[in-house]
């Protein structure tokens, strides 16, 4: 397993990054997820149902991007912390 670190240059103003990357979670509203939401289930139960239906949690998507070399794990953690 390799985790990359950014190397800066004049073109990226020393940041080691180019462009932007959007990490997102998409919860598909299937029957089970809808049932849980409408019954006011705990968010953990809703998340588990979403994952079972194919949802990729935000942190897992970020770790995948870090392993791909698209970003760093530090940027993933920073972005997720800013969200919550």
PDB file of N, CA and C in Angstrom:
ATOM      1  N   UNK A   1       0.854  -1.166   0.000  1.00  0.00           N
ATOM      2  CA  UNK A   1       0.000   0.000   0.000  1.00  0.00           C
ATOM      3  C   UNK A   1       0.903   1.232   0.000  1.00  0.00           C
ATOM      4  N   UNK A   2       0.608   2.179  -0.886  1.00  0.00           N
ATOM      5  CA  UNK A   2       1.374   3.411  -0.982  1.00  0.00           C
ATOM      6  C   UNK A   2       0.456   4.589  -0.777  1.00  0.00           C
ATOM      7  N   UNK A   3       0.838   5.480   0.123  1.00  0.00           N
ATOM      8  CA  UNK A   3       0.142   6.752   0.298  1.00  0.00           C
ATOM      9  C   UNK A   3       1.075   7.837  -0.200  1.00  0.00           C
ATOM     10  N   UNK A   4       0.593   8.643  -1.118  1.00  0.00           N
ATOM     11  CA  UNK A   4       1.403   9.655  -1.761  1.00  0.00           C
ATOM     12  C   UNK A   4       1.424  10.950  -0.955  1.00  0.00           C
ATOM     13  N   UNK A   5       2.495  11.709  -1.134  1.00  0.00           N
ATOM     14  CA  UNK A   5       2.613  13.033  -0.545  1.00  0.00           C
ATOM     15  C   UNK A   5       2.816  14.023  -1.683  1.00  0.00           C
ATOM     16  N   UNK A   6       2.240  15.223  -1.574  1.00  0.00           N
ATOM     17  CA  UNK A   6       2.380  16.196  -2.662  1.00  0.00           C
ATOM     18  C   UNK A   6       3.793  16.745  -2.752  1.00  0.00           C
ATOM     19  N   UNK A   7       4.221  16.980  -3.978  1.00  0.00           N
ATOM     20  CA  UNK A   7       5.505  17.622  -4.234  1.00  0.00           C
ATOM     21  C   UNK A   7       5.192  18.878  -5.028  1.00  0.00           C
ATOM     22  N   UNK A   8       5.567  20.014  -4.499  1.00  0.00           N
ATOM     23  CA  UNK A   8       5.219  21.284  -5.127  1.00  0.00           C
ATOM     24  C   UNK A   8       6.120  21.658  -6.290  1.00  0.00           C
ATOM     25  N   UNK A   9       5.617  22.574  -7.105  1.00  0.00           N
ATOM     26  CA  UNK A   9       6.354  23.123  -8.229  1.00  0.00           C
ATOM     27  C   UNK A   9       5.819  24.529  -8.485  1.00  0.00           C
ATOM     28  N   UNK A  10       6.493  25.315  -9.314  1.00  0.00           N
ATOM     29  CA  UNK A  10       5.982  26.667  -9.590  1.00  0.00           C
ATOM     30  C   UNK A  10       4.582  26.659 -10.215  1.00  0.00           C
ATOM     31  N   UNK A  11       4.284  25.644 -11.027  1.00  0.00           N
ATOM     32  CA  UNK A  11       2.978  25.587 -11.694  1.00  0.00           C
ATOM     33  C   UNK A  11       1.816  25.436 -10.712  1.00  0.00           C
ATOM     34  N   UNK A  12       2.050  24.713  -9.598  1.00  0.00           N
ATOM     35  CA  UNK A  12       0.982  24.517  -8.606  1.00  0.00           C
ATOM     36  C   UNK A  12       1.165  25.437  -7.396  1.00  0.00           C
ATOM     37  N   UNK A  13       2.060  26.402  -7.525  1.00  0.00           N
ATOM     38  CA  UNK A  13       2.360  27.347  -6.433  1.00  0.00           C
ATOM     39  C   UNK A  13       2.833  26.643  -5.177  1.00  0.00           C
ATOM     40  N   UNK A  14       3.541  25.543  -5.370  1.00  0.00           N
ATOM     41  CA  UNK A  14       4.145  24.835  -4.255  1.00  0.00           C
ATOM     42  C   UNK A  14       3.208  23.949  -3.453  1.00  0.00           C
ATOM     43  N   UNK A  15       1.969  23.787  -3.911  1.00  0.00           N
ATOM     44  CA  UNK A  15       1.004  22.998  -3.140  1.00  0.00           C
ATOM     45  C   UNK A  15       1.110  21.501  -3.408  1.00  0.00           C
ATOM     46  N   UNK A  16       1.507  21.131  -4.609  1.00  0.00           N
ATOM     47  CA  UNK A  16       1.530  19.725  -4.981  1.00  0.00           C
ATOM     48  C   UNK A  16       0.199  19.223  -5.509  1.00  0.00           C
ATOM     49  N   UNK A  17      -0.756  20.127  -5.669  1.00  0.00           N
ATOM     50  CA  UNK A  17      -2.083  19.747  -6.145  1.00  0.00           C
ATOM     51  C   UNK A  17      -2.437  20.513  -7.411  1.00  0.00           C
ATOM     52  N   UNK A  18      -3.248  19.897  -8.259  1.00  0.00           N
ATOM     53  CA  UNK A  18      -3.740  20.539  -9.474  1.00  0.00           C
ATOM     54  C   UNK A  18      -5.238  20.295  -9.551  1.00  0.00           C
ATOM     55  N   UNK A  19      -5.989  21.355  -9.679  1.00  0.00           N
ATOM     56  CA  UNK A  19      -7.437  21.225  -9.810  1.00  0.00           C
ATOM     57  C   UNK A  19      -8.106  20.892  -8.496  1.00  0.00           C
ATOM     58  N   UNK A  20      -9.307  20.407  -8.613  1.00  0.00           N
ATOM     59  CA  UNK A  20     -10.103  20.061  -7.430  1.00  0.00           C
ATOM     60  C   UNK A  20     -10.656  18.656  -7.589  1.00  0.00           C
ATOM     61  N   UNK A  21     -10.949  18.047  -6.463  1.00  0.00           N
ATOM     62  CA  UNK A  21     -11.530  16.708  -6.430  1.00  0.00           C
ATOM     63  C   UNK A  21     -12.761  16.763  -5.532  1.00  0.00           C
ATOM     64  N   UNK A  22     -13.868  16.294  -6.027  1.00  0.00           N
ATOM     65  CA  UNK A  22     -15.086  16.241  -5.217  1.00  0.00           C
ATOM     66  C   UNK A  22     -15.240  14.832  -4.664  1.00  0.00           C
ATOM     67  N   UNK A  23     -15.351  14.739  -3.353  1.00  0.00           N
ATOM     68  CA  UNK A  23     -15.676  13.476  -2.702  1.00  0.00           C
ATOM     69  C   UNK A  23     -17.109  13.602  -2.208  1.00  0.00           C
ATOM     70  N   UNK A  24     -17.911  12.598  -2.471  1.00  0.00           N
ATOM     71  CA  UNK A  24     -19.321  12.701  -2.089  1.00  0.00           C
ATOM     72  C   UNK A  24     -19.864  11.329  -1.702  1.00  0.00           C
ATOM     73  N   UNK A  25     -20.907  11.375  -0.914  1.00  0.00           N
ATOM     74  CA  UNK A  25     -21.689  10.199  -0.571  1.00  0.00           C
ATOM     75  C   UNK A  25     -23.029  10.348  -1.265  1.00  0.00           C
ATOM     76  N   UNK A  26     -23.516   9.277  -1.834  1.00  0.00           N
ATOM     77  CA  UNK A  26     -24.845   9.324  -2.437  1.00  0.00           C
ATOM     78  C   UNK A  26     -25.662   8.192  -1.839  1.00  0.00           C
ATOM     79  N   UNK A  27     -26.707   8.564  -1.126  1.00  0.00           N
ATOM     80  CA  UNK A  27     -27.593   7.588  -0.510  1.00  0.00           C
ATOM     81  C   UNK A  27     -28.779   7.350  -1.428  1.00  0.00           C
ATOM     82  N   UNK A  28     -28.800   6.188  -2.050  1.00  0.00           N
ATOM     83  CA  UNK A  28     -29.890   5.826  -2.943  1.00  0.00           C
ATOM     84  C   UNK A  28     -31.128   5.500  -2.107  1.00  0.00           C
ATOM     85  N   UNK A  29     -32.231   6.128  -2.432  1.00  0.00           N
ATOM     86  CA  UNK A  29     -33.462   5.960  -1.667  1.00  0.00           C
ATOM     87  C   UNK A  29     -34.194   4.702  -2.128  1.00  0.00           C
ATOM     88  N   UNK A  30     -33.717   3.541  -1.656  1.00  0.00           N
ATOM     89  CA  UNK A  30     -34.455   2.317  -1.974  1.00  0.00           C
ATOM     90  C   UNK A  30     -35.551   2.117  -0.920  1.00  0.00           C
ATOM     91  N   UNK A  31     -36.325   1.060  -1.051  1.00  0.00           N
ATOM     92  CA  UNK A  31     -37.456   0.845  -0.146  1.00  0.00           C
ATOM     93  C   UNK A  31     -37.028   0.731   1.317  1.00  0.00           C
ATOM     94  N   UNK A  32     -35.928   0.023   1.567  1.00  0.00           N
ATOM     95  CA  UNK A  32     -35.471  -0.168   2.945  1.00  0.00           C
ATOM     96  C   UNK A  32     -35.000   1.150   3.559  1.00  0.00           C
ATOM     97  N   UNK A  33     -34.240   1.925   2.822  1.00  0.00           N
ATOM     98  CA  UNK A  33     -33.767   3.222   3.324  1.00  0.00           C
ATOM     99  C   UNK A  33     -34.961   4.141   3.585  1.00  0.00           C
ATOM    100  N   UNK A  34     -35.898   4.175   2.669  1.00  0.00           N
ATOM    101  CA  UNK A  34     -37.089   5.005   2.856  1.00  0.00           C
ATOM    102  C   UNK A  34     -37.863   4.577   4.092  1.00  0.00           C
ATOM    103  N   UNK A  35     -38.037   3.267   4.279  1.00  0.00           N
ATOM    104  CA  UNK A  35     -38.749   2.761   5.450  1.00  0.00           C
ATOM    105  C   UNK A  35     -38.072   3.210   6.735  1.00  0.00           C
ATOM    106  N   UNK A  36     -36.739   3.100   6.761  1.00  0.00           N
ATOM    107  CA  UNK A  36     -35.995   3.501   7.959  1.00  0.00           C
ATOM    108  C   UNK A  36     -36.114   4.993   8.228  1.00  0.00           C
ATOM    109  N   UNK A  37     -36.011   5.791   7.176  1.00  0.00           N
ATOM    110  CA  UNK A  37     -36.120   7.249   7.345  1.00  0.00           C
ATOM    111  C   UNK A  37     -37.497   7.623   7.865  1.00  0.00           C
ATOM    112  N   UNK A  38     -38.531   7.092   7.243  1.00  0.00           N
ATOM    113  CA  UNK A  38     -39.894   7.446   7.643  1.00  0.00           C
ATOM    114  C   UNK A  38     -40.270   6.914   9.024  1.00  0.00           C
ATOM    115  N   UNK A  39     -39.574   5.875   9.462  1.00  0.00           N
ATOM    116  CA  UNK A  39     -39.832   5.362  10.814  1.00  0.00           C
ATOM    117  C   UNK A  39     -38.907   6.016  11.845  1.00  0.00           C
ATOM    118  N   UNK A  40     -38.166   7.033  11.393  1.00  0.00           N
ATOM    119  CA  UNK A  40     -37.252   7.789  12.267  1.00  0.00           C
ATOM    120  C   UNK A  40     -36.206   6.896  12.927  1.00  0.00           C
ATOM    121  N   UNK A  41     -35.653   5.981  12.143  1.00  0.00           N
ATOM    122  CA  UNK A  41     -34.614   5.081  12.642  1.00  0.00           C
ATOM    123  C   UNK A  41     -33.340   5.860  12.948  1.00  0.00           C
ATOM    124  N   UNK A  42     -32.492   5.251  13.725  1.00  0.00           N
ATOM    125  CA  UNK A  42     -31.199   5.819  14.062  1.00  0.00           C
ATOM    126  C   UNK A  42     -30.363   5.990  12.788  1.00  0.00           C
ATOM    127  N   UNK A  43     -29.561   7.055  12.754  1.00  0.00           N
ATOM    128  CA  UNK A  43     -28.777   7.321  11.538  1.00  0.00           C
ATOM    129  C   UNK A  43     -27.818   6.181  11.213  1.00  0.00           C
ATOM    130  N   UNK A  44     -27.318   5.483  12.236  1.00  0.00           N
ATOM    131  CA  UNK A  44     -26.407   4.359  11.988  1.00  0.00           C
ATOM    132  C   UNK A  44     -27.126   3.231  11.248  1.00  0.00           C
ATOM    133  N   UNK A  45     -28.397   2.997  11.583  1.00  0.00           N
ATOM    134  CA  UNK A  45     -29.173   1.965  10.886  1.00  0.00           C
ATOM    135  C   UNK A  45     -29.405   2.359   9.424  1.00  0.00           C
ATOM    136  N   UNK A  46     -29.679   3.638   9.212  1.00  0.00           N
ATOM    137  CA  UNK A  46     -29.885   4.129   7.845  1.00  0.00           C
ATOM    138  C   UNK A  46     -28.591   4.004   7.048  1.00  0.00           C
ATOM    139  N   UNK A  47     -27.471   4.362   7.679  1.00  0.00           N
ATOM    140  CA  UNK A  47     -26.181   4.250   6.996  1.00  0.00           C
ATOM    141  C   UNK A  47     -25.873   2.802   6.644  1.00  0.00           C
ATOM    142  N   UNK A  48     -26.108   1.887   7.569  1.00  0.00           N
ATOM    143  CA  UNK A  48     -25.863   0.464   7.287  1.00  0.00           C
ATOM    144  C   UNK A  48     -26.708  -0.024   6.113  1.00  0.00           C
ATOM    145  N   UNK A  49     -27.969   0.394   6.066  1.00  0.00           N
ATOM    146  CA  UNK A  49     -28.837   0.000   4.953  1.00  0.00           C
ATOM    147  C   UNK A  49     -28.335   0.602   3.648  1.00  0.00           C
ATOM    148  N   UNK A  50     -27.874   1.847   3.704  1.00  0.00           N
ATOM    149  CA  UNK A  50     -27.324   2.487   2.510  1.00  0.00           C
ATOM    150  C   UNK A  50     -26.096   1.759   1.995  1.00  0.00           C
ATOM    151  N   UNK A  51     -25.197   1.393   2.906  1.00  0.00           N
ATOM    152  CA  UNK A  51     -23.984   0.669   2.520  1.00  0.00           C
ATOM    153  C   UNK A  51     -24.347  -0.691   1.930  1.00  0.00           C
ATOM    154  N   UNK A  52     -25.322  -1.361   2.538  1.00  0.00           N
ATOM    155  CA  UNK A  52     -25.769  -2.653   2.006  1.00  0.00           C
ATOM    156  C   UNK A  52     -26.324  -2.503   0.593  1.00  0.00           C
ATOM    157  N   UNK A  53     -26.886  -1.319   0.300  1.00  0.00           N
ATOM    158  CA  UNK A  53     -27.455  -1.061  -1.032  1.00  0.00           C
ATOM    159  C   UNK A  53     -26.422  -0.491  -2.007  1.00  0.00           C
ATOM    160  N   UNK A  54     -25.161  -0.363  -1.549  1.00  0.00           N
ATOM    161  CA  UNK A  54     -24.114   0.069  -2.470  1.00  0.00           C
ATOM    162  C   UNK A  54     -23.528   1.445  -2.222  1.00  0.00           C
ATOM    163  N   UNK A  55     -23.988   2.154  -1.206  1.00  0.00           N
ATOM    164  CA  UNK A  55     -23.428   3.472  -0.910  1.00  0.00           C
ATOM    165  C   UNK A  55     -21.982   3.332  -0.431  1.00  0.00           C
ATOM    166  N   UNK A  56     -21.115   4.212  -0.929  1.00  0.00           N
ATOM    167  CA  UNK A  56     -19.730   4.256  -0.475  1.00  0.00           C
ATOM    168  C   UNK A  56     -19.616   5.429   0.499  1.00  0.00           C
ATOM    169  N   UNK A  57     -19.304   5.147   1.777  1.00  0.00           N
ATOM    170  CA  UNK A  57     -19.185   6.240   2.745  1.00  0.00           C
ATOM    171  C   UNK A  57     -18.092   7.230   2.347  1.00  0.00           C
ATOM    172  N   UNK A  58     -18.262   8.469   2.759  1.00  0.00           N
ATOM    173  CA  UNK A  58     -17.358   9.551   2.375  1.00  0.00           C
ATOM    174  C   UNK A  58     -15.901   9.237   2.714  1.00  0.00           C
ATOM    175  N   UNK A  59     -15.638   8.766   3.918  1.00  0.00           N
ATOM    176  CA  UNK A  59     -14.250   8.492   4.294  1.00  0.00           C
ATOM    177  C   UNK A  59     -13.661   7.375   3.433  1.00  0.00           C
ATOM    178  N   UNK A  60     -14.444   6.342   3.149  1.00  0.00           N
ATOM    179  CA  UNK A  60     -13.947   5.246   2.311  1.00  0.00           C
ATOM    180  C   UNK A  60     -13.637   5.739   0.898  1.00  0.00           C
ATOM    181  N   UNK A  61     -14.480   6.619   0.370  1.00  0.00           N
ATOM    182  CA  UNK A  61     -14.214   7.206  -0.953  1.00  0.00           C
ATOM    183  C   UNK A  61     -12.932   8.020  -0.915  1.00  0.00           C
ATOM    184  N   UNK A  62     -12.727   8.755   0.168  1.00  0.00           N
ATOM    185  CA  UNK A  62     -11.515   9.550   0.312  1.00  0.00           C
ATOM    186  C   UNK A  62     -10.273   8.699   0.419  1.00  0.00           C
ATOM    187  N   UNK A  63     -10.346   7.622   1.190  1.00  0.00           N
ATOM    188  CA  UNK A  63      -9.197   6.717   1.307  1.00  0.00           C
ATOM    189  C   UNK A  63      -8.884   6.102  -0.058  1.00  0.00           C
ATOM    190  N   UNK A  64      -9.909   5.758  -0.805  1.00  0.00           N
ATOM    191  CA  UNK A  64      -9.690   5.229  -2.162  1.00  0.00           C
ATOM    192  C   UNK A  64      -8.976   6.233  -3.046  1.00  0.00           C
ATOM    193  N   UNK A  65      -9.372   7.508  -2.958  1.00  0.00           N
ATOM    194  CA  UNK A  65      -8.714   8.554  -3.749  1.00  0.00           C
ATOM    195  C   UNK A  65      -7.270   8.737  -3.300  1.00  0.00           C
ATOM    196  N   UNK A  66      -7.013   8.628  -2.003  1.00  0.00           N
ATOM    197  CA  UNK A  66      -5.643   8.744  -1.501  1.00  0.00           C
ATOM    198  C   UNK A  66      -4.794   7.572  -1.982  1.00  0.00           C
ATOM    199  N   UNK A  67      -5.351   6.378  -1.962  1.00  0.00           N
ATOM    200  CA  UNK A  67      -4.615   5.208  -2.445  1.00  0.00           C
ATOM    201  C   UNK A  67      -4.367   5.271  -3.946  1.00  0.00           C
ATOM    202  N   UNK A  68      -5.278   5.919  -4.679  1.00  0.00           N
ATOM    203  CA  UNK A  68      -5.095   6.106  -6.122  1.00  0.00           C
ATOM    204  C   UNK A  68      -4.044   7.169  -6.434  1.00  0.00           C
ATOM    205  N   UNK A  69      -3.663   7.950  -5.420  1.00  0.00           N
ATOM    206  CA  UNK A  69      -2.708   9.038  -5.639  1.00  0.00           C
ATOM    207  C   UNK A  69      -3.366  10.322  -6.108  1.00  0.00           C
ATOM    208  N   UNK A  70      -4.700  10.383  -6.069  1.00  0.00           N
ATOM    209  CA  UNK A  70      -5.432  11.562  -6.511  1.00  0.00           C
ATOM    210  C   UNK A  70      -5.358  12.671  -5.478  1.00  0.00           C
ATOM    211  N   UNK A  71      -5.246  12.299  -4.209  1.00  0.00           N
ATOM    212  CA  UNK A  71      -5.142  13.257  -3.113  1.00  0.00           C
ATOM    213  C   UNK A  71      -4.325  12.613  -2.005  1.00  0.00           C
ATOM    214  N   UNK A  72      -4.224  13.277  -0.878  1.00  0.00           N
ATOM    215  CA  UNK A  72      -3.513  12.719   0.271  1.00  0.00           C
ATOM    216  C   UNK A  72      -4.508  12.412   1.375  1.00  0.00           C
ATOM    217  N   UNK A  73      -4.117  11.533   2.274  1.00  0.00           N
ATOM    218  CA  UNK A  73      -4.988  11.197   3.390  1.00  0.00           C
ATOM    219  C   UNK A  73      -5.200  12.426   4.273  1.00  0.00           C
ATOM    220  N   UNK A  74      -4.190  13.293   4.363  1.00  0.00           N
ATOM    221  CA  UNK A  74      -4.330  14.522   5.156  1.00  0.00           C
ATOM    222  C   UNK A  74      -5.422  15.423   4.580  1.00  0.00           C
ATOM    223  N   UNK A  75      -5.481  15.528   3.253  1.00  0.00           N
ATOM    224  CA  UNK A  75      -6.517  16.345   2.619  1.00  0.00           C
ATOM    225  C   UNK A  75      -7.903  15.731   2.823  1.00  0.00           C
ATOM    226  N   UNK A  76      -7.981  14.416   2.794  1.00  0.00           N
ATOM    227  CA  UNK A  76      -9.265  13.740   3.034  1.00  0.00           C
ATOM    228  C   UNK A  76      -9.749  14.052   4.447  1.00  0.00           C
ATOM    229  N   UNK A  77      -8.874  13.881   5.420  1.00  0.00           N
ATOM    230  CA  UNK A  77      -9.247  14.136   6.813  1.00  0.00           C
ATOM    231  C   UNK A  77      -9.605  15.605   7.000  1.00  0.00           C
ATOM    232  N   UNK A  78      -8.830  16.503   6.406  1.00  0.00           N
ATOM    233  CA  UNK A  78      -9.113  17.938   6.516  1.00  0.00           C
ATOM    234  C   UNK A  78     -10.476  18.262   5.924  1.00  0.00           C
ATOM    235  N   UNK A  79     -10.777  17.705   4.777  1.00  0.00           N
ATOM    236  CA  UNK A  79     -12.058  17.972   4.116  1.00  0.00           C
ATOM    237  C   UNK A  79     -13.242  17.415   4.886  1.00  0.00           C
ATOM    238  N   UNK A  80     -13.081  16.250   5.462  1.00  0.00           N
ATOM    239  CA  UNK A  80     -14.169  15.653   6.222  1.00  0.00           C
ATOM    240  C   UNK A  80     -14.370  16.395   7.545  1.00  0.00           C
ATOM    241  N   UNK A  81     -13.293  16.809   8.187  1.00  0.00           N
ATOM    242  CA  UNK A  81     -13.420  17.563   9.436  1.00  0.00           C
ATOM    243  C   UNK A  81     -14.111  18.900   9.194  1.00  0.00           C
ATOM    244  N   UNK A  82     -13.851  19.528   8.057  1.00  0.00           N
ATOM    245  CA  UNK A  82     -14.491  20.809   7.744  1.00  0.00           C
ATOM    246  C   UNK A  82     -15.979  20.631   7.544  1.00  0.00           C
ATOM    247  N   UNK A  83     -16.382  19.427   7.123  1.00  0.00           N
ATOM    248  CA  UNK A  83     -17.792  19.146   6.857  1.00  0.00           C
ATOM    249  C   UNK A  83     -18.591  18.960   8.143  1.00  0.00           C
ATOM    250  N   UNK A  84     -17.979  18.423   9.175  1.00  0.00           N
ATOM    251  CA  UNK A  84     -18.731  18.092  10.373  1.00  0.00           C
ATOM    252  C   UNK A  84     -18.335  18.926  11.506  1.00  0.00           C
TER     253      UNK A  84
END
